Amino acid sequence: MAENTMNLNIKLDELDDYHCTECGGIQFAPIFGIKVIGAIQSPTGRAGSLHHQMGFMCSGCGAAKTIVDISNECKKAADNSAKSLIEIPYRVVTEGEEGKKE
């Protein structure tokens, strides 16, 4: 089966930064969770740990957000931005006005 791929060249300096909703900061550190895995559950047969990224913490104020929360906020901001671009003023034309000039 052929794979449909698209290559985009996006310049990061042309994109908007995500801002912390608490302090307005734009620098974040990753937050990881660590899970303990027993020897029986481990594919190697040895006990150990697994880490997984859970979100980001603002470097300015320490506010933490999950990846899902940040993604939803970014989608909402992009949707609002797109809506403002397509809101074109219009005028309802009533019967008999079609040929009139403003």
Protein backbone atom coordinates (compact mmCIF):
# COMPACT_ATOMS: atom_id res chain seq x y z
CA MET A 1 0.00 0.00 0.00
CA ALA A 2 1.37 3.41 -0.97
CA GLU A 3 1.92 5.88 1.82
CA ASN A 4 0.58 9.41 1.42
CA THR A 5 3.13 11.81 2.80
CA MET A 6 3.51 15.53 2.56
CA ASN A 7 6.71 17.43 3.19
CA LEU A 8 6.25 20.91 4.59
CA ASN A 9 8.95 23.51 5.03
CA ILE A 10 7.77 25.53 8.00
CA LYS A 11 9.90 28.33 9.40
CA LEU A 12 9.62 28.27 13.18
CA ASP A 13 10.18 32.03 13.45
CA GLU A 14 6.94 32.55 11.49
CA LEU A 15 4.84 30.56 13.99
CA ASP A 16 3.23 31.95 17.13
CA ASP A 17 4.66 30.91 20.50
CA TYR A 18 2.51 29.11 23.06
CA HIS A 19 2.31 31.26 26.19
CA CYS A 20 1.83 30.09 29.77
CA THR A 21 -1.73 30.95 30.79
CA GLU A 22 -0.49 31.89 34.29
CA CYS A 23 2.49 34.18 33.62
CA GLY A 24 2.80 34.55 29.83
CA GLY A 25 6.16 32.75 29.71
CA ILE A 26 7.28 30.91 26.58
CA GLN A 27 9.91 28.52 27.97
CA PHE A 28 8.90 25.09 29.27
CA ALA A 29 10.58 22.02 30.72
CA PRO A 30 9.26 18.50 30.11
CA ILE A 31 7.55 16.62 32.96
CA PHE A 32 8.12 12.88 33.06
CA GLY A 33 6.31 10.20 35.02
CA ILE A 34 8.21 7.10 36.11
CA LYS A 35 6.54 3.70 36.37
CA VAL A 36 8.01 0.71 38.18
CA ILE A 37 7.98 -2.54 36.21
CA GLY A 38 8.37 -5.90 37.89
CA ALA A 39 10.52 -8.72 36.57
CA ILE A 40 7.45 -10.75 35.55
CA GLN A 41 6.10 -7.87 33.44
CA SER A 42 9.46 -6.92 31.93
CA PRO A 43 10.40 -8.21 28.48
CA THR A 44 13.98 -8.72 29.74
CA GLY A 45 12.90 -10.58 32.88
CA ARG A 46 14.51 -7.92 35.09
CA ALA A 47 12.74 -5.35 37.26
CA GLY A 48 13.21 -1.76 36.25
CA SER A 49 11.43 1.43 35.40
CA LEU A 50 9.77 3.12 32.45
CA HIS A 51 9.54 6.85 31.93
CA HIS A 52 6.91 8.66 29.90
CA GLN A 53 6.35 12.31 29.18
CA MET A 54 3.22 13.65 30.86
CA GLY A 55 3.36 17.35 30.10
CA PHE A 56 5.32 20.56 30.44
CA MET A 57 6.13 22.94 33.28
CA CYS A 58 6.54 26.67 32.74
CA SER A 59 10.12 27.70 33.48
CA GLY A 60 8.90 31.09 34.70
CA CYS A 61 6.21 30.26 37.25
CA GLY A 62 6.21 26.46 37.55
CA ALA A 63 2.65 25.99 36.27
CA ALA A 64 2.21 22.48 34.86
CA LYS A 65 0.03 21.43 31.92
CA THR A 66 -0.56 18.05 30.34
CA ILE A 67 0.28 17.56 26.68
CA VAL A 68 -3.45 17.14 25.98
CA ASP A 69 -4.30 20.45 27.68
CA ILE A 70 -1.64 22.33 25.72
CA SER A 71 -2.72 20.69 22.46
CA ASN A 72 -6.37 21.64 23.07
CA GLU A 73 -5.43 25.24 23.91
CA CYS A 74 -3.32 25.50 20.73
CA LYS A 75 -6.14 24.06 18.58
CA LYS A 76 -8.61 26.51 20.11
CA ALA A 77 -6.25 29.45 19.47
CA ALA A 78 -5.70 28.32 15.86
CA ASP A 79 -9.46 27.93 15.32
CA ASN A 80 -10.11 31.42 16.71
CA SER A 81 -7.35 32.83 14.53
CA ALA A 82 -8.77 31.14 11.41
CA LYS A 83 -12.29 32.34 12.22
CA SER A 84 -11.11 35.94 12.46
CA LEU A 85 -9.56 35.63 8.99
CA ILE A 86 -12.76 34.38 7.36
CA GLU A 87 -15.25 36.70 9.04
CA ILE A 88 -16.10 38.88 6.08
CA PRO A 89 -18.73 41.56 6.51
CA TYR A 90 -21.74 41.01 4.31
CA ARG A 91 -24.96 42.81 3.48
CA VAL A 92 -28.29 41.12 2.89
CA VAL A 93 -29.71 42.11 -0.49
CA THR A 94 -33.47 42.26 -0.61
CA GLU A 95 -35.60 41.71 -3.65
CA GLY A 96 -35.32 44.63 -6.06
CA GLU A 97 -31.89 45.78 -4.75
CA GLU A 98 -29.77 43.39 -6.82
CA GLY A 99 -28.84 45.98 -9.45
CA LYS A 100 -28.42 48.99 -7.11
CA LYS A 101 -24.96 50.45 -6.61
CA GLU A 102 -23.80 51.65 -3.19
